[in-house]
Amino acid sequence: AQQGRVREKVYGKQKIYFADQEQLPAASDAELRGLDGEIAARSAQLQALQQSCRQMETELKDLNSSMTTSEIAKEIEALRKDCVSCTEKLEKIKSAANHVTPEEKEKVCREQQLYRREWRRRKRMATELLDAILEGYPKSKKEFFEEVGIETDEDHGAVLPAT
């Protein structure tokens, strides 16, 4: 600071030293334009490198999340074992002697339809009868069912099958 190469500023109890810029040569307009051009070129180069880095990081993440060759080999082996067991199960089902014939299936379907129709008919009759009784009953429907001891399909979770 005494030789004049570095300047000193005092802020309270603190002293700050910095280079004396008056001793530095002033840059011409051409040099400033050249430096600005170099800054722009370096900025473009930086952006290109950052974009390349992001692409490489994405590719690395994809590669890390994909299966390795040994994992794929294990997966293929497990799938082959599963395929063999399913094939054996299919052969067992095909070779079974207790197949249901289409006639038996049709018979069962007709019986189910008959029983379903009868269930609907009886439920409708019971509902109409109970509604007629409840018209003159002074208490609520729930209280009447409790008093008489009627249990509905809904109480037991029974659902009438669809047609």
Protein backbone atom coordinates (compact mmCIF):
# COMPACT_ATOMS: atom_id res chain seq x y z
CA ALA A 1 0.00 0.00 0.00
CA GLN A 2 2.94 2.37 0.69
CA GLN A 3 4.44 1.65 -2.73
CA GLY A 4 1.08 2.42 -4.42
CA ARG A 5 0.43 -0.95 -6.01
CA VAL A 6 -2.38 -1.83 -3.61
CA ARG A 7 -4.94 0.59 -2.26
CA GLU A 8 -6.31 0.59 1.26
CA LYS A 9 -9.76 1.58 2.51
CA VAL A 10 -10.68 1.80 6.16
CA TYR A 11 -14.22 0.97 7.32
CA GLY A 12 -14.33 1.50 11.07
CA LYS A 13 -11.88 -0.97 12.55
CA GLN A 14 -11.56 -2.93 9.32
CA LYS A 15 -9.14 -2.33 6.50
CA ILE A 16 -9.74 -3.57 2.96
CA TYR A 17 -6.89 -3.90 0.43
CA PHE A 18 -7.46 -4.12 -3.34
CA ALA A 19 -5.46 -3.67 -6.54
CA ASP A 20 -5.14 -0.13 -7.82
CA GLN A 21 -6.98 -0.21 -11.13
CA GLU A 22 -5.63 3.15 -12.23
CA GLN A 23 -2.25 1.48 -12.83
CA LEU A 24 -3.79 -1.14 -15.15
CA PRO A 25 -3.92 -0.34 -18.85
CA ALA A 26 -7.36 0.61 -20.18
CA ALA A 27 -8.83 -1.83 -22.70
CA SER A 28 -9.79 -0.51 -26.11
CA ASP A 29 -13.25 -0.97 -27.65
CA ALA A 30 -11.91 -3.65 -29.99
CA GLU A 31 -10.47 -5.62 -27.07
CA LEU A 32 -13.77 -5.33 -25.17
CA ARG A 33 -15.72 -6.55 -28.20
CA GLY A 34 -13.27 -9.43 -28.58
CA LEU A 35 -13.68 -10.35 -24.91
CA ASP A 36 -17.49 -10.12 -25.25
CA GLY A 37 -17.35 -12.44 -28.26
CA GLU A 38 -15.15 -14.88 -26.34
CA ILE A 39 -17.60 -14.79 -23.40
CA ALA A 40 -20.52 -15.53 -25.74
CA ALA A 41 -18.62 -18.41 -27.37
CA ARG A 42 -17.68 -19.86 -23.98
CA SER A 43 -21.31 -19.50 -22.77
CA ALA A 44 -22.58 -21.40 -25.84
CA GLN A 45 -19.93 -24.06 -25.27
CA LEU A 46 -20.98 -24.30 -21.60
CA GLN A 47 -24.66 -24.74 -22.54
CA ALA A 48 -23.79 -27.45 -25.07
CA LEU A 49 -21.73 -29.29 -22.47
CA GLN A 50 -24.48 -28.98 -19.85
CA GLN A 51 -27.04 -30.35 -22.35
CA SER A 52 -24.72 -33.24 -23.18
CA CYS A 53 -24.23 -33.90 -19.47
CA ARG A 54 -28.02 -34.00 -18.88
CA GLN A 55 -28.46 -36.45 -21.76
CA MET A 56 -25.71 -38.68 -20.39
CA GLU A 57 -27.23 -38.56 -16.90
CA THR A 58 -30.62 -39.56 -18.33
CA GLU A 59 -29.02 -42.42 -20.24
CA LEU A 60 -27.16 -43.52 -17.10
CA LYS A 61 -30.40 -43.48 -15.09
CA ASP A 62 -32.11 -45.59 -17.78
CA LEU A 63 -29.25 -48.07 -17.83
CA ASN A 64 -29.18 -48.32 -14.03
CA SER A 65 -32.93 -48.98 -13.89
CA SER A 66 -32.85 -51.68 -16.58
CA MET A 67 -32.16 -55.33 -15.78
CA THR A 68 -28.68 -56.80 -16.04
CA THR A 69 -27.92 -59.85 -18.16
CA SER A 70 -27.82 -62.16 -15.13
CA GLU A 71 -31.16 -60.78 -13.85
CA ILE A 72 -32.73 -61.33 -17.27
CA ALA A 73 -31.38 -64.90 -17.35
CA LYS A 74 -32.95 -65.56 -13.92
CA GLU A 75 -36.26 -64.02 -15.08
CA ILE A 76 -36.28 -66.17 -18.23
CA GLU A 77 -35.62 -69.30 -16.16
CA ALA A 78 -38.44 -68.45 -13.75
CA LEU A 79 -40.81 -67.83 -16.67
CA ARG A 80 -39.86 -71.15 -18.27
CA LYS A 81 -40.58 -72.99 -15.01
CA ASP A 82 -43.92 -71.19 -14.76
CA CYS A 83 -44.70 -72.11 -18.37
CA VAL A 84 -43.90 -75.77 -17.70
CA SER A 85 -46.12 -75.86 -14.61
CA CYS A 86 -48.98 -74.20 -16.51
CA THR A 87 -48.57 -76.67 -19.38
CA GLU A 88 -48.73 -79.59 -16.93
CA LYS A 89 -51.84 -78.12 -15.32
CA LEU A 90 -53.46 -77.69 -18.74
CA GLU A 91 -52.68 -81.29 -19.70
CA LYS A 92 -54.15 -82.49 -16.41
CA ILE A 93 -57.33 -80.54 -17.05
CA LYS A 94 -57.57 -81.80 -20.64
CA SER A 95 -57.05 -85.41 -19.60
CA ALA A 96 -59.62 -85.28 -16.79
CA ALA A 97 -62.49 -87.71 -17.33
CA ASN A 98 -65.12 -85.74 -15.43
CA HIS A 99 -65.90 -83.11 -18.08
CA VAL A 100 -69.31 -81.49 -17.97
CA THR A 101 -71.21 -82.11 -21.16
CA PRO A 102 -73.06 -79.27 -22.83
CA GLU A 103 -76.37 -81.00 -22.08
CA GLU A 104 -75.58 -81.14 -18.35
CA LYS A 105 -74.50 -77.52 -18.39
CA GLU A 106 -77.74 -76.49 -20.14
CA LYS A 107 -79.77 -78.48 -17.60
CA VAL A 108 -78.05 -76.77 -14.67
CA CYS A 109 -78.55 -73.34 -16.27
CA ARG A 110 -82.27 -74.03 -16.78
CA GLU A 111 -82.65 -75.15 -13.16
CA GLN A 112 -80.86 -72.03 -11.92
CA GLN A 113 -83.13 -69.85 -14.05
CA LEU A 114 -86.21 -71.66 -12.69
CA TYR A 115 -85.09 -71.23 -9.08
CA ARG A 116 -84.16 -67.57 -9.66
CA ARG A 117 -87.60 -66.90 -11.19
CA GLU A 118 -89.30 -68.63 -8.24
CA TRP A 119 -87.18 -66.63 -5.76
CA ARG A 120 -88.26 -63.37 -7.42
CA ARG A 121 -91.92 -64.42 -7.49
CA ARG A 122 -91.96 -65.39 -3.80
CA LYS A 123 -90.03 -62.28 -2.76
CA ARG A 124 -92.51 -60.07 -4.66
CA MET A 125 -95.47 -61.86 -3.05
CA ALA A 126 -93.98 -61.51 0.44
CA THR A 127 -93.17 -57.83 -0.14
CA GLU A 128 -96.73 -57.09 -1.35
CA LEU A 129 -98.23 -58.93 1.63
CA LEU A 130 -95.98 -57.12 4.13
CA ASP A 131 -96.70 -53.75 2.51
CA ALA A 132 -100.44 -54.42 2.85
CA ILE A 133 -100.01 -55.27 6.55
CA LEU A 134 -97.80 -52.21 7.16
CA GLU A 135 -100.48 -49.84 5.78
CA GLY A 136 -102.50 -50.23 8.94
CA TYR A 137 -99.59 -50.88 11.33
CA PRO A 138 -98.80 -47.94 13.66
CA LYS A 139 -95.05 -48.61 14.01
CA SER A 140 -92.22 -48.55 11.46
CA LYS A 141 -91.37 -51.32 9.03
CA LYS A 142 -88.17 -52.15 10.92
CA GLU A 143 -90.01 -52.43 14.25
CA PHE A 144 -92.66 -54.69 12.65
CA PHE A 145 -90.00 -57.00 11.17
CA GLU A 146 -88.31 -57.18 14.57
CA GLU A 147 -91.54 -57.89 16.42
CA VAL A 148 -92.67 -60.64 14.02
CA GLY A 149 -89.16 -62.06 13.51
CA ILE A 150 -88.82 -61.52 9.77
CA GLU A 151 -85.33 -61.69 8.31
CA THR A 152 -84.79 -60.23 4.83
CA ASP A 153 -82.30 -61.20 2.13
CA GLU A 154 -80.50 -57.92 2.74
CA ASP A 155 -80.01 -58.79 6.43
CA HIS A 156 -77.98 -61.81 5.38
CA GLY A 157 -76.25 -60.23 2.39
CA ALA A 158 -78.08 -62.40 -0.13
CA VAL A 159 -78.28 -60.81 -3.56
CA LEU A 160 -80.65 -61.95 -6.25
CA PRO A 161 -78.51 -63.18 -9.18
CA ALA A 162 -78.72 -61.27 -12.45
CA THR A 163 -80.57 -62.89 -15.33
